[in-house]
Amino acid sequence: MIYAIIVGLIIGALAGWFMKSSYAWYIDLLLGIVGSWVGNWLFGVLGINIAGGLVGDLITGVVGAVIVIAIARLIKK
């Protein structure tokens, strides 16, 4: 659980930087945690298996966080 939160925080920072997010840093971190879950769920549903470990978690999490940030931008407008 703690591992997932820490990875989610890192993912939020990376996704916020990648998407040039205008949200406050703590919102990026929260979106990163949610995005990490979304990415893992999405990759599982699609049957995509990325090598485990930190690198695999970061890849799936960043993809999910980018999706979550994009959806949040659409909702905000």
Protein backbone atom coordinates (compact mmCIF):
# COMPACT_ATOMS: atom_id res chain seq x y z
CA MET A 1 0.00 0.00 0.00
CA ILE A 2 2.74 2.47 0.94
CA TYR A 3 4.69 1.44 -2.16
CA ALA A 4 1.66 2.20 -4.37
CA ILE A 5 1.21 5.63 -2.80
CA ILE A 6 4.88 6.56 -3.19
CA VAL A 7 4.93 5.36 -6.81
CA GLY A 8 1.66 7.24 -7.41
CA LEU A 9 3.23 10.43 -6.07
CA ILE A 10 6.21 10.05 -8.40
CA ILE A 11 3.87 9.30 -11.28
CA GLY A 12 1.81 12.41 -10.51
CA ALA A 13 4.91 14.57 -10.63
CA LEU A 14 6.04 13.01 -13.91
CA ALA A 15 2.62 13.21 -15.55
CA GLY A 16 2.12 16.81 -14.40
CA TRP A 17 5.47 17.74 -15.93
CA PHE A 18 4.80 15.75 -19.12
CA MET A 19 1.32 17.25 -19.61
CA LYS A 20 2.45 20.73 -18.52
CA SER A 21 -0.33 20.68 -15.98
CA SER A 22 -1.66 23.95 -14.60
CA TYR A 23 -2.97 22.27 -11.46
CA ALA A 24 -1.41 22.78 -8.05
CA TRP A 25 1.32 20.27 -7.21
CA TYR A 26 -0.84 18.41 -4.70
CA ILE A 27 -3.59 17.92 -7.31
CA ASP A 28 -1.00 16.47 -9.71
CA LEU A 29 0.08 14.08 -6.98
CA LEU A 30 -3.50 12.99 -6.27
CA LEU A 31 -4.17 12.56 -9.98
CA GLY A 32 -0.98 10.48 -10.14
CA ILE A 33 -2.27 8.12 -7.47
CA VAL A 34 -5.62 7.77 -9.26
CA GLY A 35 -3.85 7.52 -12.62
CA SER A 36 -1.65 4.74 -11.33
CA TRP A 37 -4.74 2.72 -10.52
CA VAL A 38 -6.37 3.59 -13.86
CA GLY A 39 -3.24 2.64 -15.81
CA ASN A 40 -2.90 -0.72 -14.09
CA TRP A 41 -6.60 -1.44 -14.62
CA LEU A 42 -6.51 -0.36 -18.27
CA PHE A 43 -3.41 -2.39 -19.13
CA GLY A 44 -4.98 -5.41 -17.39
CA VAL A 45 -8.24 -5.08 -19.34
CA LEU A 46 -6.36 -4.72 -22.62
CA GLY A 47 -4.17 -7.72 -21.77
CA ILE A 48 -0.96 -5.72 -22.03
CA ASN A 49 1.72 -7.11 -19.76
CA ILE A 50 4.68 -4.85 -19.03
CA ALA A 51 7.62 -6.23 -17.11
CA GLY A 52 7.00 -5.96 -13.39
CA GLY A 53 8.89 -3.91 -10.91
CA LEU A 54 9.30 -0.18 -10.56
CA VAL A 55 9.82 0.53 -14.27
CA GLY A 56 6.66 -1.33 -15.29
CA ASP A 57 4.68 0.41 -12.54
CA LEU A 58 5.97 3.80 -13.67
CA ILE A 59 5.08 3.18 -17.32
CA THR A 60 1.54 2.00 -16.63
CA GLY A 61 1.03 4.67 -14.00
CA VAL A 62 2.20 7.55 -16.18
CA VAL A 63 -0.05 6.40 -19.02
CA GLY A 64 -2.98 6.25 -16.61
CA ALA A 65 -2.15 9.60 -15.03
CA VAL A 66 -1.89 11.28 -18.43
CA ILE A 67 -5.35 9.91 -19.24
CA VAL A 68 -6.74 11.14 -15.91
CA ILE A 69 -5.19 14.62 -16.34
CA ALA A 70 -6.59 14.84 -19.90
CA ILE A 71 -10.07 13.90 -18.63
CA ALA A 72 -9.77 16.40 -15.77
CA ARG A 73 -8.90 19.13 -18.29
CA LEU A 74 -11.98 18.25 -20.36
CA ILE A 75 -14.21 18.37 -17.30
CA LYS A 76 -12.68 21.65 -16.12
CA LYS A 77 -13.50 23.39 -19.42
